[in-house]
Amino acid sequence: MDKFEKDGKTNPAATASFLSKIFFCWLNPLFSVGYKRSLEEDDMYDVLPEDRSQSLGQELQRHWEQNIQKSSKNMQPPSLSRAIICCYWKSYAVLGFFTLVEVSLTHTLTLPCSEK
């Protein structure tokens, strides 16, 4: 596979603080440019190393190989969906937790207002 390297802007998310990441403050300069004019490809930041397809693919490959080994011991066919779940469940669990909090707060705060 050909490697495509683009010399772009370094991603500020790599050095952003915890609060900046939670509230997406590291994106404010990009939002400012987008407010003034249409964004172009040169305005975009580089992809973080942990979000590159190569590293994500290697991690999924590792889980797939583990799944093949386990399934051969149990005499079952390997499951790609199980390998994907094992690979990415943590990030989806965090997203699910924050979504649950958001939905719970939204419904809890709108109930007193709707009783009028």
PDB file of N, CA and C in Angstrom:
ATOM      1  N   MET A   1       0.841  -1.172   0.000  1.00  0.00           N
ATOM      2  CA  MET A   1       0.000   0.000   0.000  1.00  0.00           C
ATOM      3  C   MET A   1       0.887   1.236   0.000  1.00  0.00           C
ATOM      4  N   ASP A   2       0.534   2.208  -0.808  1.00  0.00           N
ATOM      5  CA  ASP A   2       1.308   3.443  -0.871  1.00  0.00           C
ATOM      6  C   ASP A   2       1.041   4.281   0.367  1.00  0.00           C
ATOM      7  N   LYS A   3       2.095   4.854   0.880  1.00  0.00           N
ATOM      8  CA  LYS A   3       1.937   5.748   2.021  1.00  0.00           C
ATOM      9  C   LYS A   3       1.717   7.154   1.510  1.00  0.00           C
ATOM     10  N   PHE A   4       0.732   7.811   2.082  1.00  0.00           N
ATOM     11  CA  PHE A   4       0.431   9.178   1.717  1.00  0.00           C
ATOM     12  C   PHE A   4       0.683  10.031   2.941  1.00  0.00           C
ATOM     13  N   GLU A   5       1.700  10.815   2.878  1.00  0.00           N
ATOM     14  CA  GLU A   5       2.035  11.702   3.989  1.00  0.00           C
ATOM     15  C   GLU A   5       1.771  13.133   3.566  1.00  0.00           C
ATOM     16  N   LYS A   6       1.005  13.825   4.369  1.00  0.00           N
ATOM     17  CA  LYS A   6       0.703  15.214   4.096  1.00  0.00           C
ATOM     18  C   LYS A   6       1.308  16.037   5.224  1.00  0.00           C
ATOM     19  N   ASP A   7       2.078  17.017   4.854  1.00  0.00           N
ATOM     20  CA  ASP A   7       2.634  17.906   5.867  1.00  0.00           C
ATOM     21  C   ASP A   7       1.579  18.941   6.210  1.00  0.00           C
ATOM     22  N   GLY A   8       0.836  18.668   7.256  1.00  0.00           N
ATOM     23  CA  GLY A   8      -0.234  19.563   7.655  1.00  0.00           C
ATOM     24  C   GLY A   8       0.051  20.178   9.005  1.00  0.00           C
ATOM     25  N   LYS A   9      -0.969  20.749   9.548  1.00  0.00           N
ATOM     26  CA  LYS A   9      -0.848  21.369  10.860  1.00  0.00           C
ATOM     27  C   LYS A   9      -0.865  20.280  11.925  1.00  0.00           C
ATOM     28  N   THR A  10      -0.026  20.453  12.922  1.00  0.00           N
ATOM     29  CA  THR A  10      -0.052  19.486  14.015  1.00  0.00           C
ATOM     30  C   THR A  10      -1.375  19.615  14.757  1.00  0.00           C
ATOM     31  N   ASN A  11      -1.888  18.503  15.183  1.00  0.00           N
ATOM     32  CA  ASN A  11      -3.187  18.470  15.829  1.00  0.00           C
ATOM     33  C   ASN A  11      -3.067  18.989  17.260  1.00  0.00           C
ATOM     34  N   PRO A  12      -3.791  20.052  17.609  1.00  0.00           N
ATOM     35  CA  PRO A  12      -3.698  20.592  18.967  1.00  0.00           C
ATOM     36  C   PRO A  12      -4.299  19.665  20.015  1.00  0.00           C
ATOM     37  N   ALA A  13      -5.069  18.676  19.609  1.00  0.00           N
ATOM     38  CA  ALA A  13      -5.635  17.728  20.571  1.00  0.00           C
ATOM     39  C   ALA A  13      -4.539  16.911  21.240  1.00  0.00           C
ATOM     40  N   ALA A  14      -3.406  16.771  20.586  1.00  0.00           N
ATOM     41  CA  ALA A  14      -2.301  15.987  21.148  1.00  0.00           C
ATOM     42  C   ALA A  14      -1.739  16.629  22.409  1.00  0.00           C
ATOM     43  N   THR A  15      -1.779  17.947  22.499  1.00  0.00           N
ATOM     44  CA  THR A  15      -1.223  18.641  23.661  1.00  0.00           C
ATOM     45  C   THR A  15      -2.289  19.363  24.477  1.00  0.00           C
ATOM     46  N   ALA A  16      -3.553  19.161  24.146  1.00  0.00           N
ATOM     47  CA  ALA A  16      -4.638  19.857  24.841  1.00  0.00           C
ATOM     48  C   ALA A  16      -4.817  19.301  26.251  1.00  0.00           C
ATOM     49  N   SER A  17      -5.276  20.164  27.141  1.00  0.00           N
ATOM     50  CA  SER A  17      -5.532  19.739  28.515  1.00  0.00           C
ATOM     51  C   SER A  17      -6.813  18.907  28.574  1.00  0.00           C
ATOM     52  N   PHE A  18      -7.042  18.302  29.724  1.00  0.00           N
ATOM     53  CA  PHE A  18      -8.227  17.465  29.913  1.00  0.00           C
ATOM     54  C   PHE A  18      -9.505  18.270  29.686  1.00  0.00           C
ATOM     55  N   LEU A  19      -9.587  19.456  30.289  1.00  0.00           N
ATOM     56  CA  LEU A  19     -10.784  20.290  30.128  1.00  0.00           C
ATOM     57  C   LEU A  19     -10.949  20.759  28.690  1.00  0.00           C
ATOM     58  N   SER A  20      -9.859  21.075  28.046  1.00  0.00           N
ATOM     59  CA  SER A  20      -9.920  21.489  26.649  1.00  0.00           C
ATOM     60  C   SER A  20     -10.444  20.363  25.771  1.00  0.00           C
ATOM     61  N   LYS A  21     -10.063  19.140  26.096  1.00  0.00           N
ATOM     62  CA  LYS A  21     -10.564  17.999  25.329  1.00  0.00           C
ATOM     63  C   LYS A  21     -12.042  17.750  25.595  1.00  0.00           C
ATOM     64  N   ILE A  22     -12.462  17.881  26.849  1.00  0.00           N
ATOM     65  CA  ILE A  22     -13.866  17.640  27.188  1.00  0.00           C
ATOM     66  C   ILE A  22     -14.775  18.651  26.499  1.00  0.00           C
ATOM     67  N   PHE A  23     -14.384  19.919  26.526  1.00  0.00           N
ATOM     68  CA  PHE A  23     -15.226  20.971  25.958  1.00  0.00           C
ATOM     69  C   PHE A  23     -14.843  21.345  24.525  1.00  0.00           C
ATOM     70  N   PHE A  24     -13.917  20.595  23.926  1.00  0.00           N
ATOM     71  CA  PHE A  24     -13.485  20.804  22.544  1.00  0.00           C
ATOM     72  C   PHE A  24     -12.942  22.212  22.299  1.00  0.00           C
ATOM     73  N   CYS A  25     -12.333  22.807  23.314  1.00  0.00           N
ATOM     74  CA  CYS A  25     -11.757  24.149  23.166  1.00  0.00           C
ATOM     75  C   CYS A  25     -10.600  24.159  22.174  1.00  0.00           C
ATOM     76  N   TRP A  26      -9.944  23.037  22.003  1.00  0.00           N
ATOM     77  CA  TRP A  26      -8.816  22.963  21.073  1.00  0.00           C
ATOM     78  C   TRP A  26      -9.269  23.164  19.634  1.00  0.00           C
ATOM     79  N   LEU A  27     -10.560  23.086  19.380  1.00  0.00           N
ATOM     80  CA  LEU A  27     -11.087  23.302  18.032  1.00  0.00           C
ATOM     81  C   LEU A  27     -11.465  24.762  17.759  1.00  0.00           C
ATOM     82  N   ASN A  28     -11.391  25.626  18.768  1.00  0.00           N
ATOM     83  CA  ASN A  28     -11.806  27.021  18.588  1.00  0.00           C
ATOM     84  C   ASN A  28     -11.100  27.734  17.435  1.00  0.00           C
ATOM     85  N   PRO A  29      -9.779  27.581  17.254  1.00  0.00           N
ATOM     86  CA  PRO A  29      -9.148  28.245  16.102  1.00  0.00           C
ATOM     87  C   PRO A  29      -9.717  27.770  14.762  1.00  0.00           C
ATOM     88  N   LEU A  30     -10.016  26.495  14.650  1.00  0.00           N
ATOM     89  CA  LEU A  30     -10.599  25.969  13.413  1.00  0.00           C
ATOM     90  C   LEU A  30     -12.017  26.499  13.216  1.00  0.00           C
ATOM     91  N   PHE A  31     -12.792  26.572  14.301  1.00  0.00           N
ATOM     92  CA  PHE A  31     -14.137  27.137  14.211  1.00  0.00           C
ATOM     93  C   PHE A  31     -14.086  28.601  13.789  1.00  0.00           C
ATOM     94  N   SER A  32     -13.097  29.324  14.294  1.00  0.00           N
ATOM     95  CA  SER A  32     -12.944  30.735  13.951  1.00  0.00           C
ATOM     96  C   SER A  32     -12.672  30.910  12.460  1.00  0.00           C
ATOM     97  N   VAL A  33     -11.789  30.087  11.922  1.00  0.00           N
ATOM     98  CA  VAL A  33     -11.495  30.144  10.484  1.00  0.00           C
ATOM     99  C   VAL A  33     -12.738  29.766   9.689  1.00  0.00           C
ATOM    100  N   GLY A  34     -13.448  28.727  10.128  1.00  0.00           N
ATOM    101  CA  GLY A  34     -14.654  28.287   9.436  1.00  0.00           C
ATOM    102  C   GLY A  34     -15.775  29.305   9.490  1.00  0.00           C
ATOM    103  N   TYR A  35     -15.798  30.128  10.530  1.00  0.00           N
ATOM    104  CA  TYR A  35     -16.808  31.180  10.628  1.00  0.00           C
ATOM    105  C   TYR A  35     -16.529  32.299   9.629  1.00  0.00           C
ATOM    106  N   LYS A  36     -15.243  32.568   9.398  1.00  0.00           N
ATOM    107  CA  LYS A  36     -14.855  33.667   8.511  1.00  0.00           C
ATOM    108  C   LYS A  36     -14.916  33.291   7.036  1.00  0.00           C
ATOM    109  N   ARG A  37     -14.605  32.028   6.724  1.00  0.00           N
ATOM    110  CA  ARG A  37     -14.605  31.588   5.326  1.00  0.00           C
ATOM    111  C   ARG A  37     -14.813  30.082   5.284  1.00  0.00           C
ATOM    112  N   SER A  38     -15.016  29.568   4.097  1.00  0.00           N
ATOM    113  CA  SER A  38     -15.167  28.123   3.937  1.00  0.00           C
ATOM    114  C   SER A  38     -13.838  27.432   4.239  1.00  0.00           C
ATOM    115  N   LEU A  39     -13.924  26.330   4.951  1.00  0.00           N
ATOM    116  CA  LEU A  39     -12.713  25.586   5.283  1.00  0.00           C
ATOM    117  C   LEU A  39     -12.191  24.850   4.056  1.00  0.00           C
ATOM    118  N   GLU A  40     -10.885  24.756   3.987  1.00  0.00           N
ATOM    119  CA  GLU A  40     -10.227  24.031   2.910  1.00  0.00           C
ATOM    120  C   GLU A  40      -9.401  22.909   3.521  1.00  0.00           C
ATOM    121  N   GLU A  41      -8.904  22.023   2.687  1.00  0.00           N
ATOM    122  CA  GLU A  41      -8.138  20.883   3.184  1.00  0.00           C
ATOM    123  C   GLU A  41      -6.894  21.331   3.945  1.00  0.00           C
ATOM    124  N   ASP A  42      -6.286  22.418   3.533  1.00  0.00           N
ATOM    125  CA  ASP A  42      -5.081  22.910   4.210  1.00  0.00           C
ATOM    126  C   ASP A  42      -5.368  23.422   5.619  1.00  0.00           C
ATOM    127  N   ASP A  43      -6.632  23.722   5.923  1.00  0.00           N
ATOM    128  CA  ASP A  43      -7.002  24.202   7.250  1.00  0.00           C
ATOM    129  C   ASP A  43      -7.097  23.071   8.270  1.00  0.00           C
ATOM    130  N   MET A  44      -7.227  21.853   7.792  1.00  0.00           N
ATOM    131  CA  MET A  44      -7.437  20.706   8.675  1.00  0.00           C
ATOM    132  C   MET A  44      -6.147  20.305   9.383  1.00  0.00           C
ATOM    133  N   TYR A  45      -6.324  19.748  10.574  1.00  0.00           N
ATOM    134  CA  TYR A  45      -5.194  19.271  11.362  1.00  0.00           C
ATOM    135  C   TYR A  45      -4.826  17.853  10.935  1.00  0.00           C
ATOM    136  N   ASP A  46      -3.593  17.466  11.235  1.00  0.00           N
ATOM    137  CA  ASP A  46      -3.160  16.089  11.001  1.00  0.00           C
ATOM    138  C   ASP A  46      -3.947  15.149  11.915  1.00  0.00           C
ATOM    139  N   VAL A  47      -4.078  13.921  11.490  1.00  0.00           N
ATOM    140  CA  VAL A  47      -4.733  12.898  12.300  1.00  0.00           C
ATOM    141  C   VAL A  47      -3.787  12.495  13.427  1.00  0.00           C
ATOM    142  N   LEU A  48      -4.337  12.293  14.605  1.00  0.00           N
ATOM    143  CA  LEU A  48      -3.514  11.845  15.728  1.00  0.00           C
ATOM    144  C   LEU A  48      -2.959  10.453  15.438  1.00  0.00           C
ATOM    145  N   PRO A  49      -1.764  10.167  15.917  1.00  0.00           N
ATOM    146  CA  PRO A  49      -1.165   8.846  15.637  1.00  0.00           C
ATOM    147  C   PRO A  49      -2.048   7.678  16.076  1.00  0.00           C
ATOM    148  N   GLU A  50      -2.722   7.824  17.217  1.00  0.00           N
ATOM    149  CA  GLU A  50      -3.561   6.724  17.701  1.00  0.00           C
ATOM    150  C   GLU A  50      -4.853   6.563  16.899  1.00  0.00           C
ATOM    151  N   ASP A  51      -5.184   7.550  16.080  1.00  0.00           N
ATOM    152  CA  ASP A  51      -6.387   7.476  15.252  1.00  0.00           C
ATOM    153  C   ASP A  51      -6.090   7.104  13.806  1.00  0.00           C
ATOM    154  N   ARG A  52      -4.852   6.871  13.485  1.00  0.00           N
ATOM    155  CA  ARG A  52      -4.494   6.490  12.111  1.00  0.00           C
ATOM    156  C   ARG A  52      -4.980   5.071  11.832  1.00  0.00           C
ATOM    157  N   SER A  53      -5.349   4.833  10.600  1.00  0.00           N
ATOM    158  CA  SER A  53      -5.889   3.523  10.234  1.00  0.00           C
ATOM    159  C   SER A  53      -4.868   2.413  10.441  1.00  0.00           C
ATOM    160  N   GLN A  54      -3.595   2.717  10.283  1.00  0.00           N
ATOM    161  CA  GLN A  54      -2.571   1.682  10.454  1.00  0.00           C
ATOM    162  C   GLN A  54      -2.549   1.162  11.889  1.00  0.00           C
ATOM    163  N   SER A  55      -2.544   2.058  12.864  1.00  0.00           N
ATOM    164  CA  SER A  55      -2.494   1.602  14.259  1.00  0.00           C
ATOM    165  C   SER A  55      -3.804   0.941  14.670  1.00  0.00           C
ATOM    166  N   LEU A  56      -4.933   1.481  14.200  1.00  0.00           N
ATOM    167  CA  LEU A  56      -6.220   0.868  14.516  1.00  0.00           C
ATOM    168  C   LEU A  56      -6.340  -0.506  13.869  1.00  0.00           C
ATOM    169  N   GLY A  57      -5.852  -0.630  12.646  1.00  0.00           N
ATOM    170  CA  GLY A  57      -5.882  -1.915  11.953  1.00  0.00           C
ATOM    171  C   GLY A  57      -5.006  -2.951  12.629  1.00  0.00           C
ATOM    172  N   GLN A  58      -3.842  -2.527  13.113  1.00  0.00           N
ATOM    173  CA  GLN A  58      -2.952  -3.456  13.816  1.00  0.00           C
ATOM    174  C   GLN A  58      -3.586  -3.947  15.116  1.00  0.00           C
ATOM    175  N   GLU A  59      -4.260  -3.042  15.814  1.00  0.00           N
ATOM    176  CA  GLU A  59      -4.923  -3.439  17.056  1.00  0.00           C
ATOM    177  C   GLU A  59      -6.053  -4.422  16.775  1.00  0.00           C
ATOM    178  N   LEU A  60      -6.842  -4.142  15.736  1.00  0.00           N
ATOM    179  CA  LEU A  60      -7.917  -5.065  15.370  1.00  0.00           C
ATOM    180  C   LEU A  60      -7.346  -6.401  14.916  1.00  0.00           C
ATOM    181  N   GLN A  61      -6.249  -6.392  14.191  1.00  0.00           N
ATOM    182  CA  GLN A  61      -5.598  -7.631  13.747  1.00  0.00           C
ATOM    183  C   GLN A  61      -5.162  -8.473  14.945  1.00  0.00           C
ATOM    184  N   ARG A  62      -4.634  -7.819  15.964  1.00  0.00           N
ATOM    185  CA  ARG A  62      -4.206  -8.531  17.171  1.00  0.00           C
ATOM    186  C   ARG A  62      -5.397  -9.206  17.855  1.00  0.00           C
ATOM    187  N   HIS A  63      -6.515  -8.481  17.969  1.00  0.00           N
ATOM    188  CA  HIS A  63      -7.716  -9.060  18.578  1.00  0.00           C
ATOM    189  C   HIS A  63      -8.290 -10.179  17.715  1.00  0.00           C
ATOM    190  N   TRP A  64      -8.216 -10.035  16.401  1.00  0.00           N
ATOM    191  CA  TRP A  64      -8.710 -11.065  15.493  1.00  0.00           C
ATOM    192  C   TRP A  64      -7.900 -12.351  15.654  1.00  0.00           C
ATOM    193  N   GLU A  65      -6.575 -12.220  15.741  1.00  0.00           N
ATOM    194  CA  GLU A  65      -5.721 -13.399  15.918  1.00  0.00           C
ATOM    195  C   GLU A  65      -5.975 -14.081  17.262  1.00  0.00           C
ATOM    196  N   GLN A  66      -6.211 -13.280  18.303  1.00  0.00           N
ATOM    197  CA  GLN A  66      -6.565 -13.861  19.599  1.00  0.00           C
ATOM    198  C   GLN A  66      -7.890 -14.606  19.506  1.00  0.00           C
ATOM    199  N   ASN A  67      -8.838 -14.028  18.778  1.00  0.00           N
ATOM    200  CA  ASN A  67     -10.146 -14.651  18.602  1.00  0.00           C
ATOM    201  C   ASN A  67     -10.017 -15.967  17.848  1.00  0.00           C
ATOM    202  N   ILE A  68      -9.156 -16.015  16.845  1.00  0.00           N
ATOM    203  CA  ILE A  68      -8.938 -17.253  16.085  1.00  0.00           C
ATOM    204  C   ILE A  68      -8.360 -18.335  16.994  1.00  0.00           C
ATOM    205  N   GLN A  69      -7.405 -17.958  17.837  1.00  0.00           N
ATOM    206  CA  GLN A  69      -6.800 -18.937  18.753  1.00  0.00           C
ATOM    207  C   GLN A  69      -7.829 -19.483  19.741  1.00  0.00           C
ATOM    208  N   LYS A  70      -8.650 -18.586  20.314  1.00  0.00           N
ATOM    209  CA  LYS A  70      -9.671 -19.028  21.265  1.00  0.00           C
ATOM    210  C   LYS A  70     -10.710 -19.913  20.589  1.00  0.00           C
ATOM    211  N   SER A  71     -11.123 -19.535  19.382  1.00  0.00           N
ATOM    212  CA  SER A  71     -12.164 -20.306  18.698  1.00  0.00           C
ATOM    213  C   SER A  71     -11.650 -21.668  18.252  1.00  0.00           C
ATOM    214  N   SER A  72     -10.368 -21.774  17.938  1.00  0.00           N
ATOM    215  CA  SER A  72      -9.828 -23.079  17.548  1.00  0.00           C
ATOM    216  C   SER A  72      -9.762 -24.020  18.751  1.00  0.00           C
ATOM    217  N   LYS A  73      -9.536 -23.475  19.937  1.00  0.00           N
ATOM    218  CA  LYS A  73      -9.543 -24.300  21.148  1.00  0.00           C
ATOM    219  C   LYS A  73     -10.951 -24.791  21.464  1.00  0.00           C
ATOM    220  N   ASN A  74     -11.950 -23.931  21.229  1.00  0.00           N
ATOM    221  CA  ASN A  74     -13.343 -24.269  21.534  1.00  0.00           C
ATOM    222  C   ASN A  74     -14.060 -24.933  20.370  1.00  0.00           C
ATOM    223  N   MET A  75     -13.359 -25.135  19.261  1.00  0.00           N
ATOM    224  CA  MET A  75     -13.938 -25.752  18.060  1.00  0.00           C
ATOM    225  C   MET A  75     -15.148 -24.966  17.552  1.00  0.00           C
ATOM    226  N   GLN A  76     -15.034 -23.637  17.540  1.00  0.00           N
ATOM    227  CA  GLN A  76     -16.082 -22.755  17.038  1.00  0.00           C
ATOM    228  C   GLN A  76     -15.488 -21.877  15.951  1.00  0.00           C
ATOM    229  N   PRO A  77     -16.335 -21.387  15.050  1.00  0.00           N
ATOM    230  CA  PRO A  77     -15.803 -20.469  14.037  1.00  0.00           C
ATOM    231  C   PRO A  77     -15.439 -19.123  14.671  1.00  0.00           C
ATOM    232  N   PRO A  78     -14.401 -18.468  14.188  1.00  0.00           N
ATOM    233  CA  PRO A  78     -14.041 -17.154  14.742  1.00  0.00           C
ATOM    234  C   PRO A  78     -15.110 -16.118  14.400  1.00  0.00           C
ATOM    235  N   SER A  79     -15.224 -15.119  15.251  1.00  0.00           N
ATOM    236  CA  SER A  79     -16.243 -14.087  15.081  1.00  0.00           C
ATOM    237  C   SER A  79     -15.572 -12.719  14.943  1.00  0.00           C
ATOM    238  N   LEU A  80     -15.743 -12.119  13.775  1.00  0.00           N
ATOM    239  CA  LEU A  80     -15.178 -10.785  13.560  1.00  0.00           C
ATOM    240  C   LEU A  80     -15.868  -9.757  14.443  1.00  0.00           C
ATOM    241  N   SER A  81     -17.175  -9.896  14.617  1.00  0.00           N
ATOM    242  CA  SER A  81     -17.890  -8.938  15.466  1.00  0.00           C
ATOM    243  C   SER A  81     -17.385  -9.006  16.905  1.00  0.00           C
ATOM    244  N   ARG A  82     -17.059 -10.192  17.389  1.00  0.00           N
ATOM    245  CA  ARG A  82     -16.515 -10.324  18.742  1.00  0.00           C
ATOM    246  C   ARG A  82     -15.147  -9.650  18.836  1.00  0.00           C
ATOM    247  N   ALA A  83     -14.336  -9.790  17.803  1.00  0.00           N
ATOM    248  CA  ALA A  83     -13.017  -9.148  17.793  1.00  0.00           C
ATOM    249  C   ALA A  83     -13.158  -7.627  17.782  1.00  0.00           C
ATOM    250  N   ILE A  84     -14.117  -7.110  17.017  1.00  0.00           N
ATOM    251  CA  ILE A  84     -14.349  -5.661  16.969  1.00  0.00           C
ATOM    252  C   ILE A  84     -14.816  -5.155  18.326  1.00  0.00           C
ATOM    253  N   ILE A  85     -15.731  -5.885  18.955  1.00  0.00           N
ATOM    254  CA  ILE A  85     -16.230  -5.478  20.274  1.00  0.00           C
ATOM    255  C   ILE A  85     -15.099  -5.487  21.296  1.00  0.00           C
ATOM    256  N   CYS A  86     -14.284  -6.534  21.288  1.00  0.00           N
ATOM    257  CA  CYS A  86     -13.153  -6.600  22.230  1.00  0.00           C
ATOM    258  C   CYS A  86     -12.157  -5.466  21.998  1.00  0.00           C
ATOM    259  N   CYS A  87     -12.032  -5.049  20.765  1.00  0.00           N
ATOM    260  CA  CYS A  87     -11.061  -4.018  20.410  1.00  0.00           C
ATOM    261  C   CYS A  87     -11.527  -2.615  20.820  1.00  0.00           C
ATOM    262  N   TYR A  88     -12.809  -2.333  20.644  1.00  0.00           N
ATOM    263  CA  TYR A  88     -13.280  -0.954  20.792  1.00  0.00           C
ATOM    264  C   TYR A  88     -14.304  -0.744  21.901  1.00  0.00           C
ATOM    265  N   TRP A  89     -14.547  -1.711  22.752  1.00  0.00           N
ATOM    266  CA  TRP A  89     -15.605  -1.582  23.736  1.00  0.00           C
ATOM    267  C   TRP A  89     -15.351  -0.454  24.725  1.00  0.00           C
ATOM    268  N   LYS A  90     -14.110  -0.182  25.057  1.00  0.00           N
ATOM    269  CA  LYS A  90     -13.822   0.850  26.062  1.00  0.00           C
ATOM    270  C   LYS A  90     -14.258   2.232  25.596  1.00  0.00           C
ATOM    271  N   SER A  91     -13.910   2.584  24.373  1.00  0.00           N
ATOM    272  CA  SER A  91     -14.280   3.915  23.886  1.00  0.00           C
ATOM    273  C   SER A  91     -15.792   4.045  23.750  1.00  0.00           C
ATOM    274  N   TYR A  92     -16.457   2.975  23.324  1.00  0.00           N
ATOM    275  CA  TYR A  92     -17.915   3.034  23.214  1.00  0.00           C
ATOM    276  C   TYR A  92     -18.585   3.039  24.584  1.00  0.00           C
ATOM    277  N   ALA A  93     -17.984   2.402  25.573  1.00  0.00           N
ATOM    278  CA  ALA A  93     -18.530   2.436  26.926  1.00  0.00           C
ATOM    279  C   ALA A  93     -18.469   3.854  27.494  1.00  0.00           C
ATOM    280  N   VAL A  94     -17.368   4.547  27.258  1.00  0.00           N
ATOM    281  CA  VAL A  94     -17.247   5.934  27.723  1.00  0.00           C
ATOM    282  C   VAL A  94     -18.283   6.813  27.030  1.00  0.00           C
ATOM    283  N   LEU A  95     -18.407   6.673  25.712  1.00  0.00           N
ATOM    284  CA  LEU A  95     -19.411   7.449  24.980  1.00  0.00           C
ATOM    285  C   LEU A  95     -20.817   7.117  25.464  1.00  0.00           C
ATOM    286  N   GLY A  96     -21.084   5.850  25.707  1.00  0.00           N
ATOM    287  CA  GLY A  96     -22.397   5.435  26.198  1.00  0.00           C
ATOM    288  C   GLY A  96     -22.700   6.019  27.563  1.00  0.00           C
ATOM    289  N   PHE A  97     -21.694   6.066  28.434  1.00  0.00           N
ATOM    290  CA  PHE A  97     -21.888   6.637  29.763  1.00  0.00           C
ATOM    291  C   PHE A  97     -22.263   8.111  29.673  1.00  0.00           C
ATOM    292  N   PHE A  98     -21.515   8.877  28.883  1.00  0.00           N
ATOM    293  CA  PHE A  98     -21.812  10.300  28.767  1.00  0.00           C
ATOM    294  C   PHE A  98     -23.146  10.544  28.070  1.00  0.00           C
ATOM    295  N   THR A  99     -23.517   9.692  27.137  1.00  0.00           N
ATOM    296  CA  THR A  99     -24.824   9.811  26.496  1.00  0.00           C
ATOM    297  C   THR A  99     -25.929   9.528  27.508  1.00  0.00           C
ATOM    298  N   LEU A 100     -25.733   8.524  28.354  1.00  0.00           N
ATOM    299  CA  LEU A 100     -26.705   8.212  29.395  1.00  0.00           C
ATOM    300  C   LEU A 100     -26.870   9.386  30.357  1.00  0.00           C
ATOM    301  N   VAL A 101     -25.763   9.991  30.751  1.00  0.00           N
ATOM    302  CA  VAL A 101     -25.827  11.155  31.641  1.00  0.00           C
ATOM    303  C   VAL A 101     -26.572  12.298  30.963  1.00  0.00           C
ATOM    304  N   GLU A 102     -26.259  12.551  29.696  1.00  0.00           N
ATOM    305  CA  GLU A 102     -26.922  13.636  28.974  1.00  0.00           C
ATOM    306  C   GLU A 102     -28.421  13.399  28.855  1.00  0.00           C
ATOM    307  N   VAL A 103     -28.812  12.212  28.462  1.00  0.00           N
ATOM    308  CA  VAL A 103     -30.237  11.904  28.303  1.00  0.00           C
ATOM    309  C   VAL A 103     -30.949  11.957  29.647  1.00  0.00           C
ATOM    310  N   SER A 104     -30.315  11.431  30.692  1.00  0.00           N
ATOM    311  CA  SER A 104     -30.915  11.460  32.024  1.00  0.00           C
ATOM    312  C   SER A 104     -31.125  12.888  32.503  1.00  0.00           C
ATOM    313  N   LEU A 105     -30.116  13.727  32.341  1.00  0.00           N
ATOM    314  CA  LEU A 105     -30.251  15.126  32.756  1.00  0.00           C
ATOM    315  C   LEU A 105     -31.295  15.856  31.930  1.00  0.00           C
ATOM    316  N   THR A 106     -31.334  15.589  30.644  1.00  0.00           N
ATOM    317  CA  THR A 106     -32.311  16.248  29.781  1.00  0.00           C
ATOM    318  C   THR A 106     -33.728  15.897  30.211  1.00  0.00           C
ATOM    319  N   HIS A 107     -33.981  14.626  30.449  1.00  0.00           N
ATOM    320  CA  HIS A 107     -35.325  14.210  30.853  1.00  0.00           C
ATOM    321  C   HIS A 107     -35.650  14.654  32.268  1.00  0.00           C
ATOM    322  N   THR A 108     -34.689  14.632  33.155  1.00  0.00           N
ATOM    323  CA  THR A 108     -34.920  15.048  34.532  1.00  0.00           C
ATOM    324  C   THR A 108     -35.207  16.543  34.608  1.00  0.00           C
ATOM    325  N   LEU A 109     -34.498  17.332  33.837  1.00  0.00           N
ATOM    326  CA  LEU A 109     -34.679  18.778  33.898  1.00  0.00           C
ATOM    327  C   LEU A 109     -35.901  19.251  33.130  1.00  0.00           C
ATOM    328  N   THR A 110     -36.370  18.489  32.155  1.00  0.00           N
ATOM    329  CA  THR A 110     -37.547  18.921  31.398  1.00  0.00           C
ATOM    330  C   THR A 110     -38.845  18.491  32.063  1.00  0.00           C
ATOM    331  N   LEU A 111     -38.827  17.519  32.962  1.00  0.00           N
ATOM    332  CA  LEU A 111     -40.051  17.090  33.635  1.00  0.00           C
ATOM    333  C   LEU A 111     -40.677  18.200  34.470  1.00  0.00           C
ATOM    334  N   PRO A 112     -39.932  18.905  35.328  1.00  0.00           N
ATOM    335  CA  PRO A 112     -40.567  19.983  36.102  1.00  0.00           C
ATOM    336  C   PRO A 112     -41.128  21.096  35.212  1.00  0.00           C
ATOM    337  N   CYS A 113     -40.524  21.359  34.097  1.00  0.00           N
ATOM    338  CA  CYS A 113     -40.996  22.414  33.207  1.00  0.00           C
ATOM    339  C   CYS A 113     -42.269  22.009  32.480  1.00  0.00           C
ATOM    340  N   SER A 114     -42.446  20.734  32.208  1.00  0.00           N
ATOM    341  CA  SER A 114     -43.609  20.290  31.441  1.00  0.00           C
ATOM    342  C   SER A 114     -44.852  20.129  32.300  1.00  0.00           C
ATOM    343  N   GLU A 115     -44.739  20.215  33.618  1.00  0.00           N
ATOM    344  CA  GLU A 115     -45.882  20.032  34.506  1.00  0.00           C
ATOM    345  C   GLU A 115     -46.738  21.281  34.634  1.00  0.00           C
ATOM    346  N   LYS A 116     -46.341  22.385  34.076  1.00  0.00           N
ATOM    347  CA  LYS A 116     -47.093  23.644  34.207  1.00  0.00           C
ATOM    348  C   LYS A 116     -48.339  23.639  33.397  1.00  0.00           C
TER     349      LYS A 116
END
